[in-house]
């Protein structure tokens, strides 16, 4: 694990179902060997985020800070990250992980958005 440079994350969160937001902050977990810490400069909000806040796609884990389609700069990286360096401009879409294993039917056919081990930025 790597200690990140961002000690507290601040955002506007819904603490219950609905569109009412209020300031909220939390301490992030330590970075894993494959993690990248990003100082967010821009983030989009779209209809899917509103569906998440209103629990229209299933239960939401509250408090919830929505927003994806993130653009920012790498400030810290795990020891096994080789694709990015501190200061690199990066983007994060709706999915942040697919296993990419040859044994995974979805990933082996370039369909990683359908990976059963996928991790999404929605409600995570």
C-alpha atoms as a PDB file:
ATOM      1  CA  UNK A   1       0.000   0.000   0.000  1.00  0.00           C
ATOM      2  CA  UNK A   2       1.058   3.549  -0.780  1.00  0.00           C
ATOM      3  CA  UNK A   3       0.050   6.553   1.258  1.00  0.00           C
ATOM      4  CA  UNK A   4      -1.677   9.080  -0.969  1.00  0.00           C
ATOM      5  CA  UNK A   5      -1.068  12.806  -1.059  1.00  0.00           C
ATOM      6  CA  UNK A   6      -4.759  13.664  -0.700  1.00  0.00           C
ATOM      7  CA  UNK A   7      -5.645  13.217   2.978  1.00  0.00           C
ATOM      8  CA  UNK A   8      -9.299  14.200   2.777  1.00  0.00           C
ATOM      9  CA  UNK A   9     -11.814  14.261  -0.061  1.00  0.00           C
ATOM     10  CA  UNK A  10     -14.463  16.984  -0.124  1.00  0.00           C
ATOM     11  CA  UNK A  11     -17.615  16.944  -2.219  1.00  0.00           C
ATOM     12  CA  UNK A  12     -21.344  17.488  -2.377  1.00  0.00           C
ATOM     13  CA  UNK A  13     -23.159  14.354  -1.232  1.00  0.00           C
ATOM     14  CA  UNK A  14     -26.685  13.078  -1.002  1.00  0.00           C
ATOM     15  CA  UNK A  15     -27.124  11.423   2.385  1.00  0.00           C
ATOM     16  CA  UNK A  16     -30.453   9.867   1.440  1.00  0.00           C
ATOM     17  CA  UNK A  17     -32.578   9.233  -1.629  1.00  0.00           C
ATOM     18  CA  UNK A  18     -33.270  12.396  -3.586  1.00  0.00           C
ATOM     19  CA  UNK A  19     -31.504  15.344  -5.138  1.00  0.00           C
ATOM     20  CA  UNK A  20     -30.692  17.319  -1.980  1.00  0.00           C
ATOM     21  CA  UNK A  21     -26.910  17.659  -1.623  1.00  0.00           C
ATOM     22  CA  UNK A  22     -24.790  18.950   1.225  1.00  0.00           C
ATOM     23  CA  UNK A  23     -21.045  19.324   1.854  1.00  0.00           C
ATOM     24  CA  UNK A  24     -19.421  16.082   2.974  1.00  0.00           C
ATOM     25  CA  UNK A  25     -15.854  14.819   3.330  1.00  0.00           C
ATOM     26  CA  UNK A  26     -14.095  11.537   4.032  1.00  0.00           C
ATOM     27  CA  UNK A  27     -10.612  10.090   4.331  1.00  0.00           C
ATOM     28  CA  UNK A  28      -9.576   7.869   1.389  1.00  0.00           C
ATOM     29  CA  UNK A  29      -8.164   4.398   1.869  1.00  0.00           C
ATOM     30  CA  UNK A  30      -4.444   3.805   1.172  1.00  0.00           C
ATOM     31  CA  UNK A  31      -3.608   3.216  -2.482  1.00  0.00           C
ATOM     32  CA  UNK A  32      -3.110  -0.342  -3.688  1.00  0.00           C
ATOM     33  CA  UNK A  33      -0.244  -1.352  -5.986  1.00  0.00           C
ATOM     34  CA  UNK A  34      -2.363  -0.814  -9.137  1.00  0.00           C
ATOM     35  CA  UNK A  35      -4.142   2.371  -7.992  1.00  0.00           C
ATOM     36  CA  UNK A  36      -3.685   5.923  -9.234  1.00  0.00           C
ATOM     37  CA  UNK A  37      -4.582   8.948  -7.122  1.00  0.00           C
ATOM     38  CA  UNK A  38      -6.020  11.783  -9.204  1.00  0.00           C
ATOM     39  CA  UNK A  39      -6.483  15.443  -8.323  1.00  0.00           C
ATOM     40  CA  UNK A  40      -9.814  16.004 -10.058  1.00  0.00           C
ATOM     41  CA  UNK A  41      -9.956  19.170 -12.143  1.00  0.00           C
ATOM     42  CA  UNK A  42     -13.228  18.522 -13.985  1.00  0.00           C
ATOM     43  CA  UNK A  43     -16.156  16.128 -13.566  1.00  0.00           C
ATOM     44  CA  UNK A  44     -19.360  15.665 -15.490  1.00  0.00           C
ATOM     45  CA  UNK A  45     -22.812  15.097 -14.067  1.00  0.00           C
ATOM     46  CA  UNK A  46     -25.349  13.403 -16.317  1.00  0.00           C
ATOM     47  CA  UNK A  47     -28.724  11.725 -16.155  1.00  0.00           C
ATOM     48  CA  UNK A  48     -27.253   8.471 -14.886  1.00  0.00           C
ATOM     49  CA  UNK A  49     -26.020  10.286 -11.773  1.00  0.00           C
ATOM     50  CA  UNK A  50     -29.529  11.602 -11.123  1.00  0.00           C
ATOM     51  CA  UNK A  51     -30.928   8.067 -11.524  1.00  0.00           C
ATOM     52  CA  UNK A  52     -28.366   6.899  -8.959  1.00  0.00           C
ATOM     53  CA  UNK A  53     -29.344   9.593  -6.437  1.00  0.00           C
ATOM     54  CA  UNK A  54     -33.044   8.791  -6.867  1.00  0.00           C
ATOM     55  CA  UNK A  55     -32.347   5.021  -6.642  1.00  0.00           C
ATOM     56  CA  UNK A  56     -34.062   4.444  -9.952  1.00  0.00           C
ATOM     57  CA  UNK A  57     -31.529   1.770 -10.956  1.00  0.00           C
ATOM     58  CA  UNK A  58     -31.555  -0.041  -7.619  1.00  0.00           C
ATOM     59  CA  UNK A  59     -30.317   0.698  -4.102  1.00  0.00           C
ATOM     60  CA  UNK A  60     -27.686   3.410  -3.694  1.00  0.00           C
ATOM     61  CA  UNK A  61     -24.918   3.375  -1.084  1.00  0.00           C
ATOM     62  CA  UNK A  62     -25.354   6.623   0.839  1.00  0.00           C
ATOM     63  CA  UNK A  63     -23.789   9.070   1.377  1.00  0.00           C
ATOM     64  CA  UNK A  64     -23.205   9.331  -2.380  1.00  0.00           C
ATOM     65  CA  UNK A  65     -21.032  11.808  -4.250  1.00  0.00           C
ATOM     66  CA  UNK A  66     -21.977  11.443  -7.893  1.00  0.00           C
ATOM     67  CA  UNK A  67     -20.070  12.475 -10.972  1.00  0.00           C
ATOM     68  CA  UNK A  68     -17.970  10.610 -13.458  1.00  0.00           C
ATOM     69  CA  UNK A  69     -16.293  11.443 -16.751  1.00  0.00           C
ATOM     70  CA  UNK A  70     -13.465  12.773 -14.608  1.00  0.00           C
ATOM     71  CA  UNK A  71     -10.396  14.671 -15.848  1.00  0.00           C
ATOM     72  CA  UNK A  72      -7.453  15.406 -13.606  1.00  0.00           C
ATOM     73  CA  UNK A  73      -3.757  14.902 -12.952  1.00  0.00           C
ATOM     74  CA  UNK A  74      -1.985  11.944 -11.379  1.00  0.00           C
ATOM     75  CA  UNK A  75      -0.561  12.953  -7.995  1.00  0.00           C
ATOM     76  CA  UNK A  76       0.401   9.519  -6.635  1.00  0.00           C
ATOM     77  CA  UNK A  77       0.602   6.008  -8.081  1.00  0.00           C
ATOM     78  CA  UNK A  78       0.928   2.498  -6.752  1.00  0.00           C
ATOM     79  CA  UNK A  79       4.244   0.693  -7.142  1.00  0.00           C
ATOM     80  CA  UNK A  80       2.974  -1.538  -9.986  1.00  0.00           C
ATOM     81  CA  UNK A  81       1.576   1.298 -12.117  1.00  0.00           C
ATOM     82  CA  UNK A  82       3.706   1.662 -15.243  1.00  0.00           C
ATOM     83  CA  UNK A  83       1.375   3.422 -17.693  1.00  0.00           C
ATOM     84  CA  UNK A  84       1.142   6.748 -15.858  1.00  0.00           C
ATOM     85  CA  UNK A  85       3.438   9.144 -14.063  1.00  0.00           C
ATOM     86  CA  UNK A  86       2.847  11.927 -11.575  1.00  0.00           C
ATOM     87  CA  UNK A  87       1.673  15.018 -13.416  1.00  0.00           C
ATOM     88  CA  UNK A  88       0.067  13.088 -16.308  1.00  0.00           C
ATOM     89  CA  UNK A  89      -3.334  14.291 -17.447  1.00  0.00           C
ATOM     90  CA  UNK A  90      -5.813  11.402 -17.188  1.00  0.00           C
ATOM     91  CA  UNK A  91      -9.493  10.700 -17.606  1.00  0.00           C
ATOM     92  CA  UNK A  92     -11.858   8.288 -15.872  1.00  0.00           C
ATOM     93  CA  UNK A  93     -15.049   7.073 -17.491  1.00  0.00           C
ATOM     94  CA  UNK A  94     -17.936   5.107 -16.080  1.00  0.00           C
ATOM     95  CA  UNK A  95     -15.799   1.956 -15.622  1.00  0.00           C
ATOM     96  CA  UNK A  96     -12.515   1.866 -13.739  1.00  0.00           C
ATOM     97  CA  UNK A  97     -11.672  -1.854 -13.896  1.00  0.00           C
ATOM     98  CA  UNK A  98     -12.064  -4.962 -16.016  1.00  0.00           C
ATOM     99  CA  UNK A  99      -9.988  -8.083 -15.316  1.00  0.00           C
ATOM    100  CA  UNK A 100      -8.570  -8.141 -18.891  1.00  0.00           C
ATOM    101  CA  UNK A 101      -7.742 -11.841 -18.501  1.00  0.00           C
ATOM    102  CA  UNK A 102      -7.564 -14.109 -21.539  1.00  0.00           C
ATOM    103  CA  UNK A 103      -9.825 -16.543 -19.665  1.00  0.00           C
ATOM    104  CA  UNK A 104     -12.595 -13.925 -19.315  1.00  0.00           C
ATOM    105  CA  UNK A 105     -15.073 -14.250 -22.189  1.00  0.00           C
ATOM    106  CA  UNK A 106     -15.912 -10.536 -22.220  1.00  0.00           C
ATOM    107  CA  UNK A 107     -12.360  -9.196 -21.839  1.00  0.00           C
ATOM    108  CA  UNK A 108     -10.839 -11.652 -24.324  1.00  0.00           C
ATOM    109  CA  UNK A 109     -13.272 -10.308 -26.938  1.00  0.00           C
ATOM    110  CA  UNK A 110     -12.532  -6.597 -26.215  1.00  0.00           C
ATOM    111  CA  UNK A 111     -15.825  -6.319 -24.321  1.00  0.00           C
ATOM    112  CA  UNK A 112     -14.363  -5.330 -20.953  1.00  0.00           C
ATOM    113  CA  UNK A 113     -17.408  -3.148 -20.103  1.00  0.00           C
ATOM    114  CA  UNK A 114     -19.234  -6.492 -19.708  1.00  0.00           C
ATOM    115  CA  UNK A 115     -16.569  -8.077 -17.446  1.00  0.00           C
ATOM    116  CA  UNK A 116     -18.143  -9.850 -14.473  1.00  0.00           C
ATOM    117  CA  UNK A 117     -15.357  -8.446 -12.280  1.00  0.00           C
ATOM    118  CA  UNK A 118     -15.841  -4.909 -13.591  1.00  0.00           C
ATOM    119  CA  UNK A 119     -15.813  -1.946 -11.237  1.00  0.00           C
ATOM    120  CA  UNK A 120     -17.859   1.088 -12.162  1.00  0.00           C
ATOM    121  CA  UNK A 121     -17.786   4.653 -10.909  1.00  0.00           C
ATOM    122  CA  UNK A 122     -21.539   4.547 -10.291  1.00  0.00           C
ATOM    123  CA  UNK A 123     -22.516   3.786  -6.719  1.00  0.00           C
ATOM    124  CA  UNK A 124     -19.097   2.462  -5.749  1.00  0.00           C
END
